[in-house]
Amino acid sequence: MYRVLIHNDDKTTMGFVVQILVSVFALQNEKAIQIMLEAHDTQVALVTVETLERAEFHVEQCRSLARAQKYPLTLTIEPEE
């Protein structure tokens, strides 16, 4: 299993991050806000743990949506320990 992490940046809006988390990862709005705030406060937050194939798919979806809006939103994948 793999951890999907979202990273804070100075350009991507908080609202867009919440929108991405809700639409791509099917999170409830409250959970998406919690993750967004954690990333904002600590620079990185855990979004989910899933198979590598799903993680790669979700990260690519997020990158594509973010780049279309000119946001540098970054998500990374790391093996779960």
Protein backbone atom coordinates (compact mmCIF):
# COMPACT_ATOMS: atom_id res chain seq x y z
CA MET A 1 0.00 0.00 0.00
CA TYR A 2 1.06 3.60 -0.66
CA ARG A 3 0.52 6.90 1.10
CA VAL A 4 -0.67 9.87 -0.96
CA LEU A 5 0.63 13.14 0.50
CA ILE A 6 -0.43 16.67 -0.38
CA HIS A 7 2.09 19.50 -0.04
CA ASN A 8 1.51 23.13 0.80
CA ASP A 9 2.48 25.88 -1.63
CA ASP A 10 2.02 29.65 -1.74
CA LYS A 11 -0.06 29.74 -4.94
CA THR A 12 -2.78 27.08 -4.83
CA THR A 13 -5.87 28.39 -3.08
CA MET A 14 -7.31 26.63 -0.06
CA GLY A 15 -10.66 26.39 -1.81
CA PHE A 16 -9.12 24.67 -4.82
CA VAL A 17 -7.34 22.15 -2.58
CA VAL A 18 -10.60 21.29 -0.83
CA GLN A 19 -12.36 21.00 -4.19
CA ILE A 20 -9.67 18.60 -5.46
CA LEU A 21 -9.80 16.46 -2.33
CA VAL A 22 -13.59 16.18 -2.55
CA SER A 23 -13.78 15.55 -6.29
CA VAL A 24 -10.76 13.28 -6.84
CA PHE A 25 -10.59 11.40 -3.54
CA ALA A 26 -14.34 11.48 -2.75
CA LEU A 27 -13.72 12.92 0.70
CA GLN A 28 -16.41 14.60 2.74
CA ASN A 29 -16.02 18.39 2.77
CA GLU A 30 -15.13 18.47 6.49
CA LYS A 31 -12.36 15.86 6.05
CA ALA A 32 -11.02 17.72 3.00
CA ILE A 33 -10.85 20.96 4.99
CA GLN A 34 -9.05 19.17 7.83
CA ILE A 35 -6.42 17.76 5.43
CA MET A 36 -6.00 21.10 3.67
CA LEU A 37 -5.44 22.90 6.98
CA GLU A 38 -2.95 20.28 8.15
CA ALA A 39 -0.97 20.73 4.92
CA HIS A 40 -1.18 24.50 5.31
CA ASP A 41 0.08 24.36 8.91
CA THR A 42 2.72 21.61 8.61
CA GLN A 43 3.61 21.78 4.87
CA VAL A 44 2.41 18.21 4.14
CA ALA A 45 -0.60 16.04 5.00
CA LEU A 46 -1.70 12.47 4.43
CA VAL A 47 -4.64 12.26 2.03
CA THR A 48 -5.15 8.50 1.80
CA VAL A 49 -3.49 5.09 1.69
CA GLU A 50 -4.22 2.98 -1.38
CA THR A 51 -2.71 0.70 -4.00
CA LEU A 52 0.10 2.11 -6.13
CA GLU A 53 -2.04 2.03 -9.27
CA ARG A 54 -4.87 4.03 -7.62
CA ALA A 55 -2.41 6.42 -5.99
CA GLU A 56 -0.70 7.16 -9.31
CA PHE A 57 -4.06 7.64 -11.01
CA HIS A 58 -5.31 10.05 -8.33
CA VAL A 59 -2.08 12.05 -8.25
CA GLU A 60 -2.15 12.44 -12.03
CA GLN A 61 -5.79 13.56 -11.91
CA CYS A 62 -4.90 16.20 -9.32
CA ARG A 63 -1.89 17.43 -11.26
CA SER A 64 -3.89 17.69 -14.46
CA LEU A 65 -6.71 19.66 -12.81
CA ALA A 66 -4.25 21.92 -10.99
CA ARG A 67 -2.15 22.67 -14.07
CA ALA A 68 -5.27 23.53 -16.04
CA GLN A 69 -5.87 26.27 -13.45
CA LYS A 70 -2.15 27.26 -13.40
CA TYR A 71 -1.67 25.98 -9.82
CA PRO A 72 1.58 24.25 -8.77
CA LEU A 73 -0.25 21.81 -6.47
CA THR A 74 2.01 18.90 -5.58
CA LEU A 75 1.07 15.43 -4.36
CA THR A 76 3.57 12.67 -3.77
CA ILE A 77 3.39 8.93 -3.21
CA GLU A 78 5.48 6.94 -0.76
CA PRO A 79 5.35 3.32 0.38
CA GLU A 80 3.49 2.75 3.61
CA GLU A 81 5.83 1.57 6.33
